[in-house]
Structure formats: structure tokens, C-alpha cells
Amino acid sequence: MHTNAVGSTELSICLRVVQTLVLYALCEHQLGHATRISVSAQGRDFSVADNGRGHAIARTVQDAPYLDFIYEHLAFPYCREASPPVQLQGLGMSLLNQLCSVLEVTVRKPTATLRIRFEDGVRVSHTVTDEANAEPGNTVSGTVNSTLTPEPLDRSALSGWLLAVQQVNPELKLTLNARQLRGVAGGA
């Protein structure tokens, strides 16, 4: 059986969901936009926040809201006569949304905040409020569906993986459950 990067032979859906969100935030860091990623994990509940640019709130693709592609692409063709073209970059987040019983997305822009809530992959609320934010970025939080995995997230495996991420990105401020991680020379 193949052993993954965190040393486990088991596929942990909870761990993979959090890793996916961290990698999206890490991309913002590597592009020079985010300096901080905060991760919270307890049981099947998770939250990943960054201080990057934040999703584009007003962007559209052929009159369809861009965030529909990002989080609901697997609902294609959106029950419309002529659906917009497939956007490959949205498939991962749309799949992640389908794995969660609840997924909440908060996008902070300098003068506005967008909050979207999904339940079992379906958007149930979408609000934009005019409010000042000291720092932009995204926060994605939720609960992995218990029917997919009754097991809680292995925080030890997550911590080891995050330490490895921290080691190769030493300028990044990375926290797990409000504790700042520090890479260890020679490995995590």
C-alpha cells in the first residue's frame, strides 16, 4: 500500500480538505500577496484563513458570477439554456464543497465583505456588506460530511504536514489552532 507524505496509508478526507485549502492560500503567499495563513482544526470542523487578495467579488464569466464556478461548478450547467464555459480552476473547490455538510466562505476586501454559506454543496446564503476591513483575504470554514468520514481529522498528521510547509516557506506566518508553527531544521 502506498504511504502518503504524512506517513499514513489511510486516506483522510478531513486532512485532504484542509491541505487543499492551505495550498490555495499558499499560492497567494508564493505570488507575494499573503503573509499569514491561520488553520483551525477540531474533529471534522476546520477553518483556513489568509491575508491575501481575497476572491474577486464582482467578477463574472459570460454574466455568471465567478464564484459560482469556484464553489458550485459541479452543478454545471446551472439550469440555464446557455451555460458559460467550463472553468478548470474551479473544479477543486467545487469538489471540496461537495465533501462538506457545511461550507462558509468569507471574502474580505478593503471596503466590502462577502459571506457565502453552502449546505451539502448547495448555496443557501450570499450576502455582500459594505464594511471596512483592515486586511483583505479569504476565510473558508466548514464541516466535512460525517457520512463520508466518521473519523476526526488527525491533528498530528496535519501539524507535521504544516511544519513541512513552514520549513520551505520560512517567511510565512503559519498558525495551527492559534499557535504559531516554527519549522525544524532537517525536517518536521
C-alpha atoms as a PDB file:
ATOM      1  CA  MET A   1       0.000   0.000   0.000  1.00  0.00           C
ATOM      2  CA  HIS A   2       1.283   3.491  -0.861  1.00  0.00           C
ATOM      3  CA  THR A   3       2.329   5.752   2.021  1.00  0.00           C
ATOM      4  CA  ASN A   4       1.462   9.434   1.615  1.00  0.00           C
ATOM      5  CA  ALA A   5       3.597  12.453   2.571  1.00  0.00           C
ATOM      6  CA  VAL A   6       2.385  12.494   6.177  1.00  0.00           C
ATOM      7  CA  GLY A   7       3.260   8.831   6.749  1.00  0.00           C
ATOM      8  CA  SER A   8      -0.242   7.375   6.772  1.00  0.00           C
ATOM      9  CA  THR A   9      -1.532   4.685   4.452  1.00  0.00           C
ATOM     10  CA  GLU A  10      -5.131   5.795   5.046  1.00  0.00           C
ATOM     11  CA  LEU A  11      -6.882   8.474   3.021  1.00  0.00           C
ATOM     12  CA  SER A  12      -8.134  11.101   5.426  1.00  0.00           C
ATOM     13  CA  ILE A  13     -10.786  13.221   3.750  1.00  0.00           C
ATOM     14  CA  CYS A  14     -10.677  15.779   6.581  1.00  0.00           C
ATOM     15  CA  LEU A  15      -6.904  16.117   6.243  1.00  0.00           C
ATOM     16  CA  ARG A  16      -7.110  16.442   2.447  1.00  0.00           C
ATOM     17  CA  VAL A  17      -9.779  19.148   2.673  1.00  0.00           C
ATOM     18  CA  VAL A  18      -7.603  21.245   4.990  1.00  0.00           C
ATOM     19  CA  GLN A  19      -4.465  20.598   2.915  1.00  0.00           C
ATOM     20  CA  THR A  20      -6.304  21.712  -0.228  1.00  0.00           C
ATOM     21  CA  LEU A  21      -7.364  24.991   1.376  1.00  0.00           C
ATOM     22  CA  VAL A  22      -3.864  25.609   2.755  1.00  0.00           C
ATOM     23  CA  LEU A  23      -2.367  25.051  -0.711  1.00  0.00           C
ATOM     24  CA  TYR A  24      -4.778  27.587  -2.236  1.00  0.00           C
ATOM     25  CA  ALA A  25      -3.725  30.098   0.439  1.00  0.00           C
ATOM     26  CA  LEU A  26      -0.062  29.163  -0.017  1.00  0.00           C
ATOM     27  CA  CYS A  27      -0.375  30.049  -3.691  1.00  0.00           C
ATOM     28  CA  GLU A  28      -1.390  33.576  -2.606  1.00  0.00           C
ATOM     29  CA  HIS A  29       1.717  33.676  -0.410  1.00  0.00           C
ATOM     30  CA  GLN A  30       4.011  32.449  -3.179  1.00  0.00           C
ATOM     31  CA  LEU A  31       2.592  35.101  -5.519  1.00  0.00           C
ATOM     32  CA  GLY A  32       3.547  37.750  -2.938  1.00  0.00           C
ATOM     33  CA  HIS A  33       0.043  38.564  -1.683  1.00  0.00           C
ATOM     34  CA  ALA A  34      -0.360  36.711   1.633  1.00  0.00           C
ATOM     35  CA  THR A  35       1.969  36.774   4.635  1.00  0.00           C
ATOM     36  CA  ARG A  36      -0.207  34.788   7.029  1.00  0.00           C
ATOM     37  CA  ILE A  37      -2.222  31.553   6.975  1.00  0.00           C
ATOM     38  CA  SER A  38      -4.226  30.543  10.035  1.00  0.00           C
ATOM     39  CA  VAL A  39      -5.551  26.985  10.317  1.00  0.00           C
ATOM     40  CA  SER A  40      -8.031  25.666  12.874  1.00  0.00           C
ATOM     41  CA  ALA A  41      -9.000  22.018  13.074  1.00  0.00           C
ATOM     42  CA  GLN A  42     -11.113  20.119  15.580  1.00  0.00           C
ATOM     43  CA  GLY A  43     -12.855  16.843  14.801  1.00  0.00           C
ATOM     44  CA  ARG A  44     -14.376  17.263  11.323  1.00  0.00           C
ATOM     45  CA  ASP A  45     -14.559  21.082  11.673  1.00  0.00           C
ATOM     46  CA  PHE A  46     -11.943  23.268  10.011  1.00  0.00           C
ATOM     47  CA  SER A  47     -11.081  26.839   9.098  1.00  0.00           C
ATOM     48  CA  VAL A  48      -8.320  28.219   6.872  1.00  0.00           C
ATOM     49  CA  ALA A  49      -7.799  31.988   6.677  1.00  0.00           C
ATOM     50  CA  ASP A  50      -5.257  34.073   4.807  1.00  0.00           C
ATOM     51  CA  ASN A  51      -4.482  37.735   4.303  1.00  0.00           C
ATOM     52  CA  GLY A  52      -4.134  37.513   0.523  1.00  0.00           C
ATOM     53  CA  ARG A  53      -6.113  39.425  -2.077  1.00  0.00           C
ATOM     54  CA  GLY A  54      -9.413  37.649  -1.427  1.00  0.00           C
ATOM     55  CA  HIS A  55     -11.652  36.200  -4.133  1.00  0.00           C
ATOM     56  CA  ALA A  56     -12.939  38.566  -6.792  1.00  0.00           C
ATOM     57  CA  ILE A  57     -16.381  39.591  -5.533  1.00  0.00           C
ATOM     58  CA  ALA A  58     -17.760  41.257  -8.669  1.00  0.00           C
ATOM     59  CA  ARG A  59     -16.037  39.178 -11.380  1.00  0.00           C
ATOM     60  CA  THR A  60     -18.266  37.410 -13.910  1.00  0.00           C
ATOM     61  CA  VAL A  61     -17.697  34.947 -16.749  1.00  0.00           C
ATOM     62  CA  GLN A  62     -20.255  35.470 -19.511  1.00  0.00           C
ATOM     63  CA  ASP A  63     -22.648  37.073 -16.999  1.00  0.00           C
ATOM     64  CA  ALA A  64     -22.308  34.231 -14.456  1.00  0.00           C
ATOM     65  CA  PRO A  65     -20.777  35.104 -11.075  1.00  0.00           C
ATOM     66  CA  TYR A  66     -17.179  33.837 -10.993  1.00  0.00           C
ATOM     67  CA  LEU A  67     -17.605  32.359  -7.517  1.00  0.00           C
ATOM     68  CA  ASP A  68     -20.346  30.102  -8.932  1.00  0.00           C
ATOM     69  CA  PHE A  69     -17.551  28.435 -10.902  1.00  0.00           C
ATOM     70  CA  ILE A  70     -15.259  28.228  -7.920  1.00  0.00           C
ATOM     71  CA  TYR A  71     -17.663  26.650  -5.433  1.00  0.00           C
ATOM     72  CA  GLU A  72     -20.555  25.243  -7.480  1.00  0.00           C
ATOM     73  CA  HIS A  73     -19.006  24.146 -10.763  1.00  0.00           C
ATOM     74  CA  LEU A  74     -20.155  20.559 -10.289  1.00  0.00           C
ATOM     75  CA  ALA A  75     -23.723  21.889 -10.555  1.00  0.00           C
ATOM     76  CA  PHE A  76     -22.954  22.686 -14.214  1.00  0.00           C
ATOM     77  CA  PRO A  77     -24.868  23.621 -16.416  1.00  0.00           C
ATOM     78  CA  TYR A  78     -26.504  25.860 -13.780  1.00  0.00           C
ATOM     79  CA  CYS A  79     -30.017  25.154 -15.113  1.00  0.00           C
ATOM     80  CA  ARG A  80     -29.556  27.744 -17.849  1.00  0.00           C
ATOM     81  CA  GLU A  81     -30.099  27.444 -21.590  1.00  0.00           C
ATOM     82  CA  ALA A  82     -26.559  28.524 -22.406  1.00  0.00           C
ATOM     83  CA  SER A  83     -24.113  27.863 -19.604  1.00  0.00           C
ATOM     84  CA  PRO A  84     -20.812  29.717 -19.541  1.00  0.00           C
ATOM     85  CA  PRO A  85     -17.656  27.780 -20.488  1.00  0.00           C
ATOM     86  CA  VAL A  86     -16.137  25.315 -18.038  1.00  0.00           C
ATOM     87  CA  GLN A  87     -13.508  26.900 -15.779  1.00  0.00           C
ATOM     88  CA  LEU A  88     -10.938  24.276 -14.797  1.00  0.00           C
ATOM     89  CA  GLN A  89      -9.577  26.244 -11.820  1.00  0.00           C
ATOM     90  CA  GLY A  90     -12.915  25.896 -10.033  1.00  0.00           C
ATOM     91  CA  LEU A  91     -13.165  22.123 -10.057  1.00  0.00           C
ATOM     92  CA  GLY A  92     -11.099  21.501  -6.917  1.00  0.00           C
ATOM     93  CA  MET A  93     -13.022  23.925  -4.721  1.00  0.00           C
ATOM     94  CA  SER A  94     -16.334  22.719  -6.137  1.00  0.00           C
ATOM     95  CA  LEU A  95     -15.404  19.140  -5.233  1.00  0.00           C
ATOM     96  CA  LEU A  96     -14.310  20.274  -1.768  1.00  0.00           C
ATOM     97  CA  ASN A  97     -17.693  21.986  -1.343  1.00  0.00           C
ATOM     98  CA  GLN A  98     -19.443  18.703  -2.169  1.00  0.00           C
ATOM     99  CA  LEU A  99     -17.469  16.910   0.587  1.00  0.00           C
ATOM    100  CA  CYS A 100     -18.748  19.252   3.308  1.00  0.00           C
ATOM    101  CA  SER A 101     -22.063  19.278   5.128  1.00  0.00           C
ATOM    102  CA  VAL A 102     -21.458  22.989   5.748  1.00  0.00           C
ATOM    103  CA  LEU A 103     -19.005  25.304   3.980  1.00  0.00           C
ATOM    104  CA  GLU A 104     -18.754  29.015   4.743  1.00  0.00           C
ATOM    105  CA  VAL A 105     -16.687  31.397   2.649  1.00  0.00           C
ATOM    106  CA  THR A 106     -15.845  34.902   3.811  1.00  0.00           C
ATOM    107  CA  VAL A 107     -14.076  37.258   1.413  1.00  0.00           C
ATOM    108  CA  ARG A 108     -12.657  40.449   2.906  1.00  0.00           C
ATOM    109  CA  LYS A 109     -11.954  43.384   0.606  1.00  0.00           C
ATOM    110  CA  PRO A 110     -10.919  46.874   1.802  1.00  0.00           C
ATOM    111  CA  THR A 111     -14.496  48.207   1.657  1.00  0.00           C
ATOM    112  CA  ALA A 112     -16.723  45.124   1.404  1.00  0.00           C
ATOM    113  CA  THR A 113     -17.233  41.650   2.849  1.00  0.00           C
ATOM    114  CA  LEU A 114     -18.838  38.743   1.026  1.00  0.00           C
ATOM    115  CA  ARG A 115     -20.249  35.819   3.002  1.00  0.00           C
ATOM    116  CA  ILE A 116     -21.466  32.655   1.275  1.00  0.00           C
ATOM    117  CA  ARG A 117     -22.847  29.603   3.057  1.00  0.00           C
ATOM    118  CA  PHE A 118     -23.319  26.183   1.485  1.00  0.00           C
ATOM    119  CA  GLU A 119     -25.088  23.200   2.985  1.00  0.00           C
ATOM    120  CA  ASP A 120     -24.452  19.825   1.375  1.00  0.00           C
ATOM    121  CA  GLY A 121     -22.911  21.589  -1.628  1.00  0.00           C
ATOM    122  CA  VAL A 122     -25.854  23.932  -2.236  1.00  0.00           C
ATOM    123  CA  ARG A 123     -25.624  27.681  -1.675  1.00  0.00           C
ATOM    124  CA  VAL A 124     -28.121  28.746   0.989  1.00  0.00           C
ATOM    125  CA  SER A 125     -26.993  32.341   1.517  1.00  0.00           C
ATOM    126  CA  HIS A 126     -24.951  35.005  -0.249  1.00  0.00           C
ATOM    127  CA  THR A 127     -24.528  38.456   1.275  1.00  0.00           C
ATOM    128  CA  VAL A 128     -22.289  41.394   0.488  1.00  0.00           C
ATOM    129  CA  THR A 129     -21.980  44.123   3.078  1.00  0.00           C
ATOM    130  CA  ASP A 130     -20.222  47.461   2.881  1.00  0.00           C
ATOM    131  CA  GLU A 131     -17.719  47.390   5.693  1.00  0.00           C
ATOM    132  CA  ALA A 132     -14.117  48.404   6.133  1.00  0.00           C
ATOM    133  CA  ASN A 133     -11.606  45.594   6.570  1.00  0.00           C
ATOM    134  CA  ALA A 134      -8.130  46.288   7.903  1.00  0.00           C
ATOM    135  CA  GLU A 135      -6.750  43.425   5.853  1.00  0.00           C
ATOM    136  CA  PRO A 136      -8.118  41.595   2.804  1.00  0.00           C
ATOM    137  CA  GLY A 137      -8.220  37.832   2.380  1.00  0.00           C
ATOM    138  CA  ASN A 138     -10.353  34.723   2.476  1.00  0.00           C
ATOM    139  CA  THR A 139     -11.598  32.501   5.268  1.00  0.00           C
ATOM    140  CA  VAL A 140     -13.039  29.132   4.350  1.00  0.00           C
ATOM    141  CA  SER A 141     -14.506  27.089   7.167  1.00  0.00           C
ATOM    142  CA  GLY A 142     -16.850  24.184   7.495  1.00  0.00           C
ATOM    143  CA  THR A 143     -17.525  20.620   8.490  1.00  0.00           C
ATOM    144  CA  VAL A 144     -16.617  17.549   6.470  1.00  0.00           C
ATOM    145  CA  ASN A 145     -19.715  15.415   5.921  1.00  0.00           C
ATOM    146  CA  SER A 146     -19.901  12.658   8.555  1.00  0.00           C
ATOM    147  CA  THR A 147     -21.355  10.204   6.042  1.00  0.00           C
ATOM    148  CA  LEU A 148     -18.076  10.386   4.122  1.00  0.00           C
ATOM    149  CA  THR A 149     -15.807  10.051   7.111  1.00  0.00           C
ATOM    150  CA  PRO A 150     -16.835   9.487  10.703  1.00  0.00           C
ATOM    151  CA  GLU A 151     -13.194   9.875  11.736  1.00  0.00           C
ATOM    152  CA  PRO A 152     -11.955  13.228  13.037  1.00  0.00           C
ATOM    153  CA  LEU A 153      -9.026  14.996  11.456  1.00  0.00           C
ATOM    154  CA  ASP A 154      -5.664  13.669  12.616  1.00  0.00           C
ATOM    155  CA  ARG A 155      -4.180  16.863  14.073  1.00  0.00           C
ATOM    156  CA  SER A 156      -0.780  15.228  14.486  1.00  0.00           C
ATOM    157  CA  ALA A 157      -0.616  14.437  10.757  1.00  0.00           C
ATOM    158  CA  LEU A 158      -1.840  17.953   9.934  1.00  0.00           C
ATOM    159  CA  SER A 159       0.728  19.509  12.259  1.00  0.00           C
ATOM    160  CA  GLY A 160       3.565  17.505  10.677  1.00  0.00           C
ATOM    161  CA  TRP A 161       2.475  18.497   7.190  1.00  0.00           C
ATOM    162  CA  LEU A 162       2.112  22.170   8.153  1.00  0.00           C
ATOM    163  CA  LEU A 163       5.575  22.126   9.733  1.00  0.00           C
ATOM    164  CA  ALA A 164       6.995  20.869   6.430  1.00  0.00           C
ATOM    165  CA  VAL A 165       5.141  23.677   4.604  1.00  0.00           C
ATOM    166  CA  GLN A 166       6.526  26.177   7.131  1.00  0.00           C
ATOM    167  CA  GLN A 167      10.057  24.855   6.684  1.00  0.00           C
ATOM    168  CA  VAL A 168      10.071  25.544   2.949  1.00  0.00           C
ATOM    169  CA  ASN A 169       8.285  28.906   3.422  1.00  0.00           C
ATOM    170  CA  PRO A 170      10.086  30.351   6.471  1.00  0.00           C
ATOM    171  CA  GLU A 171       8.842  33.911   5.870  1.00  0.00           C
ATOM    172  CA  LEU A 172       5.208  32.784   6.105  1.00  0.00           C
ATOM    173  CA  LYS A 173       3.420  33.202   9.436  1.00  0.00           C
ATOM    174  CA  LEU A 174       1.577  29.888   9.809  1.00  0.00           C
ATOM    175  CA  THR A 175      -0.607  29.042  12.787  1.00  0.00           C
ATOM    176  CA  LEU A 176      -2.490  25.916  13.810  1.00  0.00           C
ATOM    177  CA  ASN A 177      -5.231  26.314  16.411  1.00  0.00           C
ATOM    178  CA  ALA A 178      -3.880  29.780  17.313  1.00  0.00           C
ATOM    179  CA  ARG A 179      -0.298  28.527  17.876  1.00  0.00           C
ATOM    180  CA  GLN A 180       2.413  29.745  15.544  1.00  0.00           C
ATOM    181  CA  LEU A 181       4.344  26.931  13.887  1.00  0.00           C
ATOM    182  CA  ARG A 182       8.075  27.042  13.549  1.00  0.00           C
ATOM    183  CA  GLY A 183       9.911  24.831  11.035  1.00  0.00           C
ATOM    184  CA  VAL A 184      12.526  22.486  12.415  1.00  0.00           C
ATOM    185  CA  ALA A 185      15.883  22.297  10.658  1.00  0.00           C
ATOM    186  CA  GLY A 186      16.322  18.923   8.977  1.00  0.00           C
ATOM    187  CA  GLY A 187      12.608  18.043   8.807  1.00  0.00           C
ATOM    188  CA  ALA A 188       9.310  18.349  10.582  1.00  0.00           C
END
